[in-house]
Protein backbone atom coordinates (compact mmCIF):
# COMPACT_ATOMS: atom_id res chain seq x y z
CA MET A 1 -11.24 18.44 -40.76
CA SER A 2 -8.24 20.46 -41.90
CA THR A 3 -5.93 19.43 -44.72
CA ILE A 4 -3.07 19.17 -42.21
CA ALA A 5 -5.12 16.77 -40.06
CA GLU A 6 -5.94 14.66 -43.12
CA LEU A 7 -2.27 14.47 -44.14
CA ASN A 8 -1.24 13.65 -40.56
CA ASP A 9 -3.92 10.95 -40.36
CA THR A 10 -2.58 9.39 -43.56
CA ILE A 11 0.94 8.93 -42.22
CA ARG A 12 -0.34 7.79 -38.84
CA ARG A 13 -2.82 5.27 -40.30
CA THR A 14 -0.82 3.95 -43.25
CA GLY A 15 2.82 4.97 -42.80
CA SER A 16 2.75 6.60 -46.23
CA GLY A 17 3.30 10.26 -46.91
CA GLY A 18 6.40 10.57 -44.75
CA THR A 19 8.77 8.68 -42.51
CA VAL A 20 7.90 6.64 -39.42
CA VAL A 21 10.57 6.47 -36.72
CA VAL A 22 10.60 4.49 -33.50
CA THR A 23 12.92 5.49 -30.68
CA SER A 24 15.41 3.16 -29.03
CA GLY A 25 12.97 2.59 -26.16
CA ILE A 26 10.31 1.27 -28.52
CA ALA A 27 12.88 -0.72 -30.52
CA ALA A 28 14.06 -2.42 -27.31
CA LEU A 29 10.60 -3.86 -26.66
CA PRO A 30 9.67 -7.34 -27.88
CA GLU A 31 8.61 -7.44 -31.54
CA GLU A 32 5.04 -8.36 -30.64
CA ALA A 33 4.76 -5.31 -28.36
CA GLN A 34 6.19 -3.06 -31.07
CA GLY A 35 3.60 -4.31 -33.53
CA ARG A 36 0.75 -3.78 -31.10
CA ILE A 37 1.98 -0.25 -30.32
CA LEU A 38 2.15 0.65 -34.01
CA VAL A 39 -1.42 -0.60 -34.47
CA LEU A 40 -2.54 1.50 -31.50
CA VAL A 41 -0.81 4.56 -32.99
CA ALA A 42 -2.46 3.91 -36.37
CA THR A 43 -5.92 3.55 -34.87
CA PHE A 44 -5.64 6.37 -32.32
CA ASP A 45 -8.62 8.71 -32.66
CA ALA A 46 -9.10 10.18 -29.19
CA PHE A 47 -8.40 13.74 -30.31
CA THR A 48 -9.95 16.41 -28.10
CA GLU A 49 -9.56 20.14 -27.59
CA ASN A 50 -7.18 19.36 -24.71
CA ASN A 51 -4.74 17.16 -26.64
CA ASP A 52 -5.33 18.59 -30.13
CA PRO A 53 -6.04 22.32 -29.70
CA TYR A 54 -5.23 23.16 -33.36
CA GLY A 55 -7.16 20.24 -34.86
CA GLU A 56 -4.09 18.90 -36.66
CA HIS A 57 -3.99 15.34 -35.23
CA ALA A 58 -0.25 15.79 -34.69
CA PHE A 59 0.06 14.16 -31.26
CA GLY A 60 -1.42 11.18 -29.48
CA SER A 61 -0.78 9.60 -26.11
CA PHE A 62 -1.98 6.30 -24.70
CA ASP A 63 -1.09 3.76 -22.06
CA PHE A 64 0.44 0.44 -23.05
CA GLY A 65 0.73 -1.75 -20.01
CA GLU A 66 2.52 0.37 -17.45
CA GLN A 67 4.13 2.64 -20.03
CA THR A 68 2.82 5.74 -21.75
CA ILE A 69 3.38 5.93 -25.49
CA PHE A 70 3.56 9.12 -27.53
CA GLY A 71 3.02 9.41 -31.28
CA LYS A 72 4.15 12.80 -32.58
CA ILE A 73 4.11 14.16 -36.12
CA ASP A 74 6.49 16.93 -37.15
CA ARG A 75 6.46 18.72 -40.50
CA TYR A 76 9.87 19.55 -41.91
CA ASP A 77 11.16 21.01 -45.14
CA ARG A 78 12.41 18.49 -47.72
CA TYR A 79 15.93 18.62 -46.22
CA LEU A 80 14.71 17.92 -42.67
CA SER A 81 16.54 21.00 -41.44
CA HIS A 82 13.69 23.45 -40.72
CA ALA A 83 9.95 23.52 -40.26
CA SER A 84 8.04 23.20 -43.52
CA PRO A 85 7.25 26.54 -45.13
CA HIS A 86 3.88 25.15 -46.35
CA PRO A 87 2.77 22.11 -44.31
CA THR A 88 -0.16 21.36 -46.64
CA ASN A 89 2.13 21.07 -49.68
CA SER A 90 3.69 17.61 -49.91
CA VAL A 91 6.22 18.83 -52.49
CA VAL A 92 7.97 20.97 -49.88
CA THR A 93 7.04 19.02 -46.73
CA THR A 94 8.36 15.83 -45.16
CA ARG A 95 6.24 14.46 -42.34
CA VAL A 96 7.97 12.47 -39.62
CA LEU A 97 5.94 10.35 -37.22
CA THR A 98 7.97 9.51 -34.12
CA VAL A 99 6.71 6.77 -31.80
CA MET A 100 8.33 6.90 -28.38
CA LEU A 101 8.05 6.05 -24.72
CA ALA A 102 6.94 9.11 -22.76
CA GLU A 103 10.04 8.78 -20.58
CA GLU A 104 12.21 9.39 -23.67
CA CYS A 105 11.03 13.00 -24.03
């Protein structure tokens, strides 16, 4: 497993190592549903060549009831203005995990 995948797994599984954001669509759901969705994001491990071609564990998609949920990890510089120049270096990289309804894309 690559260092990027390991770092992405850490934020996805624990919420540490970056910032976790939920969109307004997720925030509008009942609290219990939000909690269940966050657990499903944290435990997601269905990475394949089709949904994870670079082996970075940066995106996951699953069904929750009748909705499709996306969990997406972006790697920004420390100022959140550009892509990180060195995504394996936590000193210069801020990871952001966004949890959203697929319809919000």
